[in-house]
Amino acid sequence: MLSNFFFFVLAHVFIFSLRNSEYVCCFYTPKVCCTKLFHLRESNDASSYSEGRERYMQEKKMKQLKLKAENKVVKQLRITPRIGANDLLIKINSAKQFLLRRHRVKFILTLKGREYTNVENVKKIFAKISEELKSYGNSESMRQNGNVVSQLFNLKAKRKNESSLGGGAAGGKEGGIK
C-alpha cells in the first residue's frame, strides 16, 4: 500500500520553490529519481522586454524568409495527344490561373500504343501551349521519360511598370480599350 502511494507520487511532476531563493526544484520520475535545479528570471525590467521583442521580430523575419525560400507548389495538368481544341484551351486557362497565383505548372502528356510514332502531334500541342502561356510564364524544354512527355512553366518575373494581367499601356487582350 505504501509502495503504491510512493510510485503514484513519483509518477507526477512536483514543483516547489525553496524559501528565500530564486531557484526551483523539479522532481521528474516514473522510475528513476532525478532532480533538476534551474534559475527563474524576473522579467519586470524594460530591457528584458525589448530583448524579447527583438527576438520575436527576428524570428518573425526568419519565418517570412523561409516561406519565400520554400519551393513553390507544382500544379500538374494531364493531357493526351487526342485532346480536343476546346479542352486544351480549358487546360491552358486553368494553367494561366495557376501561374497568376504564383504556382508552377507542369503539363503531362501520356502516350499509349501507336501514339509514340506521331511525335509531330505532341510537338504541335506543346507549341500551342507555350505560345498561349508565353505572356504568363517561361517554359522549360520538353522532357520525355518513357511514355510520358512533360513541360514545366514558371511565372515570369514582373517588371515594375508591368501589370499582373499583361495589359496596360501596350494594350493587350485583357487591358485594352475596345
Foldseek 3Di string as FASTA:
>chain_A
DVVVVVLVVQCDKDWDDDPPFQKIWIFHHNPDTDIDIDGDDDDPDPVSVVVVVVVVVVVVVVVVVVVVPDAAAEAEDEDELPDDPVRLVVVLVVCLVCLLVQHKYKYKYFDDDPSVVVVVSVVVSVVVSCVSCVLFWDKDDWDDDPRIIMIMTGGDDDDPQADSVRAPPVHDDPHHDD
